[in-house]
Amino acid sequence: MTDNKFLPIISERRTIKIELERVLYFEKNLRKLLVHMEEGQLEFYSRFKDIEEYLGENFYHCHKSYYVNLDKVVRIEPRTYWFEGGKWVPISQLKYKEAKERYQNYLRELCYCPPARYK
């Protein structure tokens, strides 16, 4: 995984540039992926395997059908990630402990400020 700024969707019918910072989560539904964003959703034929190389460390595979953008998660409760506006994503029972630790560590890293150095 890398820290790309966007995900290119290239098909015979259309070409789209999705800014990853706008993505709440990705959902797999049969052979389609749904991209859920604050302003709506987009769907296209693909697999998680095809997009993983574009996702940064802030994306977490919390369930066989979901990848969440931890930047957009506002809280975690038993087996559920919550987003602004009341949207939510289930967390696999087997991954809940790991998902909770991952989110807590992610928040700690965001809040970490190295000690100031004075000359």
Foldseek 3Di string as FASTA:
>chain_A
DAAAQWFWDDDPVDIDTGGPVQFFKWFDDPQKIWTQGPVGIDIDGDACVVGVVHDDLQWDDQDRTMIGRLVQFPDDDVQWTAGPPGDIDGGDPVCRVVVVVSSVVVVVVVPDDDDDDDD
